């Protein structure tokens, strides 16, 4: 990942500003950097070290999460398993896969199932800002 940089976009232009983002990422350093990026962009962030922890965090919030950004390769529950469970429990919650591990067929399958966005790792704060703006500004799929 690149170093953190400040967004040049005025706060009002980013759709979903102030929304709650759940980050599911098993690598602690990557998770912390992603949390910081999202906070700098104006989001409230809840984080989890794996898919099971992410579902627990979602349950503890009563399903009230606006966006889930998740990795594909995580222990205990893969990103694809997490995605399937998210869509079963909270189909309205938007989802962005942020990973370097997914195959084209896995990503295509998730897109067909309602995945809203995809960010291949590594990515910059401007790339995540653009993808979240696109996802939060639309109701459709990636």
N, C-alpha and C. Protein backbone atom coordinates (compact mmCIF):
# COMPACT_ATOMS: atom_id res chain seq x y z
N UNK A 1 0.83 -1.18 0.00
CA UNK A 1 0.00 0.00 0.00
C UNK A 1 0.87 1.24 0.00
N UNK A 2 0.39 2.31 -0.59
CA UNK A 2 1.13 3.55 -0.60
C UNK A 2 0.99 4.25 0.75
N UNK A 3 1.80 5.26 0.95
CA UNK A 3 1.67 6.02 2.19
C UNK A 3 0.34 6.75 2.18
N UNK A 4 -0.13 7.05 3.39
CA UNK A 4 -1.42 7.73 3.50
C UNK A 4 -1.29 9.14 2.97
N UNK A 5 -2.29 9.55 2.22
CA UNK A 5 -2.33 10.89 1.68
C UNK A 5 -3.71 11.47 1.95
N UNK A 6 -3.78 12.75 2.06
CA UNK A 6 -5.06 13.39 2.33
C UNK A 6 -5.88 13.46 1.05
N UNK A 7 -7.18 13.24 1.18
CA UNK A 7 -8.08 13.32 0.03
C UNK A 7 -8.20 14.78 -0.41
N UNK A 8 -8.20 15.01 -1.69
CA UNK A 8 -8.35 16.36 -2.22
C UNK A 8 -9.80 16.73 -2.47
N UNK A 9 -10.72 15.79 -2.29
CA UNK A 9 -12.13 16.01 -2.56
C UNK A 9 -12.82 16.60 -1.35
N UNK A 10 -13.59 17.69 -1.51
CA UNK A 10 -14.35 18.21 -0.39
C UNK A 10 -15.26 17.13 0.18
N UNK A 11 -15.43 17.15 1.51
CA UNK A 11 -16.17 16.09 2.20
C UNK A 11 -17.55 15.85 1.62
N UNK A 12 -18.26 16.88 1.22
CA UNK A 12 -19.61 16.72 0.73
C UNK A 12 -19.72 15.96 -0.58
N UNK A 13 -18.61 15.81 -1.30
CA UNK A 13 -18.66 15.16 -2.60
C UNK A 13 -18.53 13.64 -2.52
N UNK A 14 -18.18 13.11 -1.35
CA UNK A 14 -17.99 11.67 -1.24
C UNK A 14 -19.29 11.03 -0.77
N UNK A 15 -19.97 10.27 -1.64
CA UNK A 15 -21.21 9.61 -1.22
C UNK A 15 -20.96 8.68 -0.03
N UNK A 16 -21.90 8.69 0.89
CA UNK A 16 -21.80 7.80 2.04
C UNK A 16 -20.96 8.33 3.16
N UNK A 17 -20.52 9.60 3.08
CA UNK A 17 -19.68 10.18 4.11
C UNK A 17 -20.36 10.01 5.47
N UNK A 18 -19.60 9.56 6.47
CA UNK A 18 -20.14 9.34 7.80
C UNK A 18 -20.75 7.96 7.97
N UNK A 19 -20.82 7.20 6.90
CA UNK A 19 -21.36 5.84 6.95
C UNK A 19 -20.42 4.93 7.74
N UNK A 20 -20.95 3.79 8.18
CA UNK A 20 -20.14 2.82 8.90
C UNK A 20 -19.61 1.77 7.93
N UNK A 21 -18.30 1.58 7.97
CA UNK A 21 -17.63 0.60 7.12
C UNK A 21 -17.05 -0.48 8.02
N UNK A 22 -17.36 -1.72 7.72
CA UNK A 22 -16.79 -2.87 8.40
C UNK A 22 -15.65 -3.40 7.55
N UNK A 23 -14.46 -3.45 8.13
CA UNK A 23 -13.27 -3.96 7.45
C UNK A 23 -12.97 -5.36 7.97
N UNK A 24 -12.88 -6.33 7.08
CA UNK A 24 -12.50 -7.70 7.44
C UNK A 24 -11.20 -8.02 6.73
N UNK A 25 -10.11 -8.02 7.50
CA UNK A 25 -8.76 -8.21 6.96
C UNK A 25 -7.91 -8.89 8.02
N UNK A 26 -7.31 -10.02 7.66
CA UNK A 26 -6.54 -10.78 8.65
C UNK A 26 -5.14 -10.24 8.92
N UNK A 27 -4.55 -9.53 7.99
CA UNK A 27 -3.21 -8.97 8.19
C UNK A 27 -3.32 -7.67 8.98
N UNK A 28 -2.79 -7.67 10.21
CA UNK A 28 -2.97 -6.54 11.12
C UNK A 28 -2.49 -5.21 10.54
N UNK A 29 -1.33 -5.19 9.91
CA UNK A 29 -0.81 -3.95 9.35
C UNK A 29 -1.72 -3.42 8.23
N UNK A 30 -2.12 -4.30 7.34
CA UNK A 30 -3.01 -3.90 6.25
C UNK A 30 -4.34 -3.39 6.82
N UNK A 31 -4.86 -4.09 7.83
CA UNK A 31 -6.12 -3.68 8.46
C UNK A 31 -5.99 -2.28 9.07
N UNK A 32 -4.90 -2.02 9.78
CA UNK A 32 -4.71 -0.70 10.41
C UNK A 32 -4.59 0.41 9.37
N UNK A 33 -3.84 0.14 8.30
CA UNK A 33 -3.70 1.14 7.24
C UNK A 33 -5.05 1.41 6.58
N UNK A 34 -5.80 0.36 6.29
CA UNK A 34 -7.12 0.53 5.68
C UNK A 34 -8.06 1.29 6.61
N UNK A 35 -8.03 0.98 7.90
CA UNK A 35 -8.84 1.72 8.88
C UNK A 35 -8.50 3.20 8.83
N UNK A 36 -7.21 3.51 8.84
CA UNK A 36 -6.78 4.91 8.83
C UNK A 36 -7.21 5.61 7.54
N UNK A 37 -7.06 4.93 6.41
CA UNK A 37 -7.51 5.51 5.14
C UNK A 37 -8.99 5.87 5.20
N UNK A 38 -9.80 4.93 5.67
CA UNK A 38 -11.25 5.14 5.72
C UNK A 38 -11.63 6.24 6.70
N UNK A 39 -10.96 6.30 7.83
CA UNK A 39 -11.23 7.37 8.80
C UNK A 39 -10.87 8.73 8.22
N UNK A 40 -9.75 8.80 7.52
CA UNK A 40 -9.35 10.06 6.88
C UNK A 40 -10.35 10.50 5.82
N UNK A 41 -11.04 9.54 5.23
CA UNK A 41 -12.06 9.85 4.23
C UNK A 41 -13.40 10.21 4.87
N UNK A 42 -13.50 10.10 6.19
CA UNK A 42 -14.71 10.52 6.88
C UNK A 42 -15.67 9.42 7.27
N UNK A 43 -15.21 8.17 7.24
CA UNK A 43 -16.08 7.06 7.58
C UNK A 43 -15.86 6.61 9.03
N UNK A 44 -16.90 6.05 9.61
CA UNK A 44 -16.79 5.37 10.90
C UNK A 44 -16.36 3.95 10.57
N UNK A 45 -15.37 3.41 11.28
CA UNK A 45 -14.81 2.11 10.92
C UNK A 45 -14.92 1.12 12.08
N UNK A 46 -15.39 -0.08 11.74
CA UNK A 46 -15.40 -1.22 12.64
C UNK A 46 -14.51 -2.26 11.96
N UNK A 47 -13.61 -2.89 12.71
CA UNK A 47 -12.72 -3.83 12.04
C UNK A 47 -12.76 -5.21 12.66
N UNK A 48 -12.39 -6.18 11.84
CA UNK A 48 -12.39 -7.59 12.23
C UNK A 48 -11.19 -8.26 11.59
N UNK A 49 -10.63 -9.24 12.32
CA UNK A 49 -9.44 -9.94 11.85
C UNK A 49 -9.74 -11.14 10.95
N UNK A 50 -11.02 -11.52 10.87
CA UNK A 50 -11.40 -12.63 9.99
C UNK A 50 -12.91 -12.58 9.74
N UNK A 51 -13.39 -13.50 8.92
CA UNK A 51 -14.80 -13.50 8.55
C UNK A 51 -15.74 -13.75 9.72
N UNK A 52 -15.37 -14.66 10.61
CA UNK A 52 -16.24 -14.94 11.76
C UNK A 52 -16.35 -13.74 12.67
N UNK A 53 -15.22 -13.06 12.89
CA UNK A 53 -15.23 -11.85 13.70
C UNK A 53 -16.06 -10.76 13.03
N UNK A 54 -15.99 -10.69 11.71
CA UNK A 54 -16.78 -9.70 10.97
C UNK A 54 -18.28 -9.96 11.15
N UNK A 55 -18.69 -11.21 11.08
CA UNK A 55 -20.11 -11.54 11.28
C UNK A 55 -20.55 -11.22 12.70
N UNK A 56 -19.68 -11.46 13.67
CA UNK A 56 -19.97 -11.14 15.07
C UNK A 56 -20.14 -9.62 15.23
N UNK A 57 -19.26 -8.85 14.61
CA UNK A 57 -19.35 -7.39 14.66
C UNK A 57 -20.63 -6.91 13.99
N UNK A 58 -20.98 -7.51 12.89
CA UNK A 58 -22.22 -7.17 12.19
C UNK A 58 -23.42 -7.46 13.08
N UNK A 59 -23.44 -8.64 13.71
CA UNK A 59 -24.54 -9.01 14.60
C UNK A 59 -24.64 -8.06 15.79
N UNK A 60 -23.50 -7.68 16.36
CA UNK A 60 -23.52 -6.80 17.53
C UNK A 60 -24.03 -5.41 17.17
N UNK A 61 -23.98 -5.04 15.91
CA UNK A 61 -24.51 -3.75 15.44
C UNK A 61 -25.92 -3.89 14.87
N UNK A 62 -26.52 -5.05 15.05
CA UNK A 62 -27.86 -5.27 14.53
C UNK A 62 -27.93 -5.22 13.01
N UNK A 63 -26.83 -5.56 12.35
CA UNK A 63 -26.80 -5.54 10.90
C UNK A 63 -26.66 -4.15 10.31
N UNK A 64 -26.47 -3.16 11.15
CA UNK A 64 -26.40 -1.77 10.69
C UNK A 64 -24.97 -1.36 10.31
N UNK A 65 -24.57 -1.83 9.16
CA UNK A 65 -23.29 -1.47 8.56
C UNK A 65 -23.61 -1.11 7.12
N UNK A 66 -23.04 -0.01 6.65
CA UNK A 66 -23.35 0.47 5.30
C UNK A 66 -22.52 -0.18 4.20
N UNK A 67 -21.30 -0.56 4.56
CA UNK A 67 -20.36 -1.11 3.58
C UNK A 67 -19.43 -2.08 4.28
N UNK A 68 -19.14 -3.20 3.63
CA UNK A 68 -18.14 -4.15 4.13
C UNK A 68 -17.02 -4.23 3.09
N UNK A 69 -15.79 -3.96 3.55
CA UNK A 69 -14.60 -4.10 2.73
C UNK A 69 -13.87 -5.31 3.27
N UNK A 70 -13.65 -6.31 2.43
CA UNK A 70 -13.11 -7.58 2.93
C UNK A 70 -12.05 -8.17 2.02
N UNK A 71 -11.19 -8.97 2.65
CA UNK A 71 -10.13 -9.69 1.95
C UNK A 71 -10.67 -11.06 1.52
N UNK A 72 -10.05 -11.67 0.56
CA UNK A 72 -10.46 -12.99 0.11
C UNK A 72 -9.85 -14.10 0.96
N UNK A 73 -8.55 -14.00 1.23
CA UNK A 73 -7.84 -15.06 1.95
C UNK A 73 -7.75 -14.70 3.43
N UNK A 74 -8.63 -15.31 4.22
CA UNK A 74 -8.63 -15.09 5.67
C UNK A 74 -8.80 -16.45 6.35
N UNK A 75 -8.27 -16.56 7.58
CA UNK A 75 -8.44 -17.82 8.30
C UNK A 75 -9.88 -18.00 8.78
N UNK A 76 -10.27 -19.19 9.06
CA UNK A 76 -11.56 -19.58 9.62
C UNK A 76 -12.73 -19.44 8.66
N UNK A 77 -12.75 -18.42 7.84
CA UNK A 77 -13.83 -18.22 6.87
C UNK A 77 -13.27 -17.40 5.72
N UNK A 78 -13.34 -17.92 4.52
CA UNK A 78 -12.81 -17.20 3.36
C UNK A 78 -13.66 -15.97 3.06
N UNK A 79 -13.09 -15.10 2.26
CA UNK A 79 -13.83 -13.92 1.83
C UNK A 79 -15.09 -14.29 1.07
N UNK A 80 -15.02 -15.33 0.27
CA UNK A 80 -16.20 -15.75 -0.49
C UNK A 80 -17.29 -16.27 0.46
N UNK A 81 -16.89 -17.03 1.48
CA UNK A 81 -17.87 -17.51 2.46
C UNK A 81 -18.47 -16.34 3.24
N UNK A 82 -17.63 -15.38 3.61
CA UNK A 82 -18.13 -14.19 4.30
C UNK A 82 -19.11 -13.44 3.42
N UNK A 83 -18.74 -13.23 2.16
CA UNK A 83 -19.63 -12.54 1.22
C UNK A 83 -20.99 -13.24 1.12
N UNK A 84 -20.98 -14.55 0.96
CA UNK A 84 -22.24 -15.29 0.84
C UNK A 84 -23.10 -15.12 2.09
N UNK A 85 -22.47 -15.17 3.25
CA UNK A 85 -23.22 -15.00 4.50
C UNK A 85 -23.72 -13.57 4.66
N UNK A 86 -22.93 -12.59 4.26
CA UNK A 86 -23.37 -11.19 4.31
C UNK A 86 -24.60 -10.99 3.45
N UNK A 87 -24.57 -11.54 2.25
CA UNK A 87 -25.72 -11.37 1.34
C UNK A 87 -26.96 -12.09 1.85
N UNK A 88 -26.77 -13.18 2.57
CA UNK A 88 -27.90 -13.89 3.16
C UNK A 88 -28.50 -13.08 4.32
N UNK A 89 -27.64 -12.56 5.17
CA UNK A 89 -28.09 -11.85 6.37
C UNK A 89 -28.54 -10.41 6.10
N UNK A 90 -27.78 -9.71 5.29
CA UNK A 90 -28.01 -8.28 5.05
C UNK A 90 -27.83 -7.97 3.57
N UNK A 91 -28.78 -8.39 2.74
CA UNK A 91 -28.59 -8.24 1.29
C UNK A 91 -28.43 -6.79 0.82
N UNK A 92 -28.90 -5.82 1.62
CA UNK A 92 -28.80 -4.42 1.22
C UNK A 92 -27.41 -3.83 1.49
N UNK A 93 -26.61 -4.49 2.31
CA UNK A 93 -25.29 -3.97 2.65
C UNK A 93 -24.36 -4.06 1.45
N UNK A 94 -23.72 -2.96 1.13
CA UNK A 94 -22.81 -2.93 -0.01
C UNK A 94 -21.49 -3.58 0.35
N UNK A 95 -20.85 -4.18 -0.64
CA UNK A 95 -19.64 -4.96 -0.41
C UNK A 95 -18.55 -4.62 -1.42
N UNK A 96 -17.32 -4.54 -0.91
CA UNK A 96 -16.15 -4.32 -1.77
C UNK A 96 -15.09 -5.34 -1.38
N UNK A 97 -14.67 -6.14 -2.33
CA UNK A 97 -13.58 -7.08 -2.14
C UNK A 97 -12.28 -6.32 -2.36
N UNK A 98 -11.40 -6.33 -1.36
CA UNK A 98 -10.09 -5.68 -1.46
C UNK A 98 -9.05 -6.78 -1.26
N UNK A 99 -8.57 -7.34 -2.35
CA UNK A 99 -7.73 -8.52 -2.24
C UNK A 99 -6.84 -8.69 -3.45
N UNK A 100 -5.77 -9.42 -3.23
CA UNK A 100 -4.91 -9.81 -4.34
C UNK A 100 -4.95 -11.31 -4.56
N UNK A 101 -5.85 -11.99 -3.81
CA UNK A 101 -5.86 -13.45 -3.81
C UNK A 101 -6.98 -14.09 -4.62
N UNK A 102 -8.01 -13.38 -4.97
CA UNK A 102 -9.14 -13.99 -5.65
C UNK A 102 -8.86 -14.33 -7.10
N UNK A 103 -9.40 -15.46 -7.56
CA UNK A 103 -9.28 -15.80 -8.98
C UNK A 103 -10.38 -15.08 -9.75
N UNK A 104 -10.20 -14.98 -11.06
CA UNK A 104 -11.20 -14.32 -11.89
C UNK A 104 -12.57 -15.00 -11.75
N UNK A 105 -12.58 -16.32 -11.67
CA UNK A 105 -13.86 -17.03 -11.56
C UNK A 105 -14.53 -16.76 -10.21
N UNK A 106 -13.73 -16.69 -9.13
CA UNK A 106 -14.31 -16.38 -7.81
C UNK A 106 -14.89 -14.98 -7.79
N UNK A 107 -14.16 -14.03 -8.35
CA UNK A 107 -14.62 -12.64 -8.38
C UNK A 107 -15.87 -12.53 -9.25
N UNK A 108 -15.87 -13.20 -10.40
CA UNK A 108 -17.04 -13.18 -11.29
C UNK A 108 -18.26 -13.77 -10.60
N UNK A 109 -18.06 -14.86 -9.85
CA UNK A 109 -19.16 -15.48 -9.12
C UNK A 109 -19.73 -14.53 -8.07
N UNK A 110 -18.84 -13.83 -7.36
CA UNK A 110 -19.31 -12.88 -6.36
C UNK A 110 -20.00 -11.69 -7.01
N UNK A 111 -19.49 -11.23 -8.12
CA UNK A 111 -20.15 -10.12 -8.84
C UNK A 111 -21.57 -10.53 -9.25
N UNK A 112 -21.70 -11.75 -9.73
CA UNK A 112 -23.03 -12.25 -10.12
C UNK A 112 -23.96 -12.35 -8.91
N UNK A 113 -23.37 -12.56 -7.72
CA UNK A 113 -24.15 -12.66 -6.49
C UNK A 113 -24.39 -11.34 -5.80
N UNK A 114 -23.91 -10.23 -6.39
CA UNK A 114 -24.20 -8.92 -5.83
C UNK A 114 -23.01 -8.15 -5.29
N UNK A 115 -21.78 -8.60 -5.54
CA UNK A 115 -20.61 -7.85 -5.12
C UNK A 115 -20.65 -6.47 -5.77
N UNK A 116 -20.49 -5.43 -4.98
CA UNK A 116 -20.62 -4.07 -5.51
C UNK A 116 -19.32 -3.49 -6.04
N UNK A 117 -18.17 -3.97 -5.54
CA UNK A 117 -16.91 -3.40 -5.99
C UNK A 117 -15.74 -4.30 -5.73
N UNK A 118 -14.63 -4.00 -6.41
CA UNK A 118 -13.40 -4.79 -6.27
C UNK A 118 -12.20 -3.87 -6.35
N UNK A 119 -11.28 -4.02 -5.39
CA UNK A 119 -10.02 -3.30 -5.36
C UNK A 119 -8.88 -4.31 -5.30
N UNK A 120 -8.11 -4.45 -6.36
CA UNK A 120 -6.95 -5.34 -6.28
C UNK A 120 -5.86 -4.70 -5.42
N UNK A 121 -5.26 -5.51 -4.54
CA UNK A 121 -4.15 -5.01 -3.71
C UNK A 121 -2.87 -5.00 -4.53
N UNK A 122 -1.99 -4.07 -4.26
CA UNK A 122 -2.10 -2.95 -3.33
C UNK A 122 -2.88 -1.81 -3.96
N UNK A 123 -3.46 -0.94 -3.12
CA UNK A 123 -4.21 0.20 -3.62
C UNK A 123 -3.88 1.42 -2.78
N UNK A 124 -4.15 2.59 -3.33
CA UNK A 124 -3.87 3.85 -2.65
C UNK A 124 -5.16 4.40 -2.03
N UNK A 125 -5.03 5.42 -1.22
CA UNK A 125 -6.21 6.04 -0.62
C UNK A 125 -7.11 6.64 -1.71
N UNK A 126 -6.51 7.17 -2.77
CA UNK A 126 -7.33 7.73 -3.85
C UNK A 126 -8.11 6.63 -4.59
N UNK A 127 -7.50 5.47 -4.75
CA UNK A 127 -8.21 4.37 -5.40
C UNK A 127 -9.37 3.87 -4.54
N UNK A 128 -9.16 3.73 -3.24
CA UNK A 128 -10.26 3.26 -2.39
C UNK A 128 -11.35 4.33 -2.32
N UNK A 129 -10.95 5.60 -2.31
CA UNK A 129 -11.92 6.69 -2.31
C UNK A 129 -12.80 6.64 -3.56
N UNK A 130 -12.18 6.45 -4.71
CA UNK A 130 -12.92 6.39 -5.97
C UNK A 130 -13.87 5.19 -6.00
N UNK A 131 -13.39 4.03 -5.53
CA UNK A 131 -14.24 2.84 -5.56
C UNK A 131 -15.41 2.96 -4.59
N UNK A 132 -15.17 3.51 -3.39
CA UNK A 132 -16.25 3.68 -2.43
C UNK A 132 -17.24 4.72 -2.93
N UNK A 133 -16.75 5.80 -3.53
CA UNK A 133 -17.65 6.81 -4.08
C UNK A 133 -18.55 6.18 -5.14
N UNK A 134 -17.96 5.34 -5.98
CA UNK A 134 -18.76 4.68 -7.03
C UNK A 134 -19.78 3.74 -6.41
N UNK A 135 -19.36 2.93 -5.44
CA UNK A 135 -20.25 1.94 -4.82
C UNK A 135 -21.34 2.62 -4.00
N UNK A 136 -20.97 3.60 -3.19
CA UNK A 136 -21.95 4.25 -2.32
C UNK A 136 -22.88 5.19 -3.11
N UNK A 137 -22.44 5.60 -4.28
CA UNK A 137 -23.25 6.49 -5.10
C UNK A 137 -24.23 5.74 -5.99
N UNK A 138 -24.15 4.41 -5.99
CA UNK A 138 -25.03 3.61 -6.84
C UNK A 138 -25.62 2.47 -6.05
N UNK A 139 -26.74 1.98 -6.50
CA UNK A 139 -27.38 0.82 -5.88
C UNK A 139 -27.03 -0.46 -6.62
N UNK A 140 -26.39 -0.32 -7.78
CA UNK A 140 -26.12 -1.48 -8.61
C UNK A 140 -24.87 -2.24 -8.22
N UNK A 141 -24.52 -3.19 -9.06
CA UNK A 141 -23.36 -4.05 -8.83
C UNK A 141 -22.16 -3.52 -9.57
N UNK A 142 -21.01 -4.10 -9.26
CA UNK A 142 -19.75 -3.72 -9.92
C UNK A 142 -19.79 -4.01 -11.40
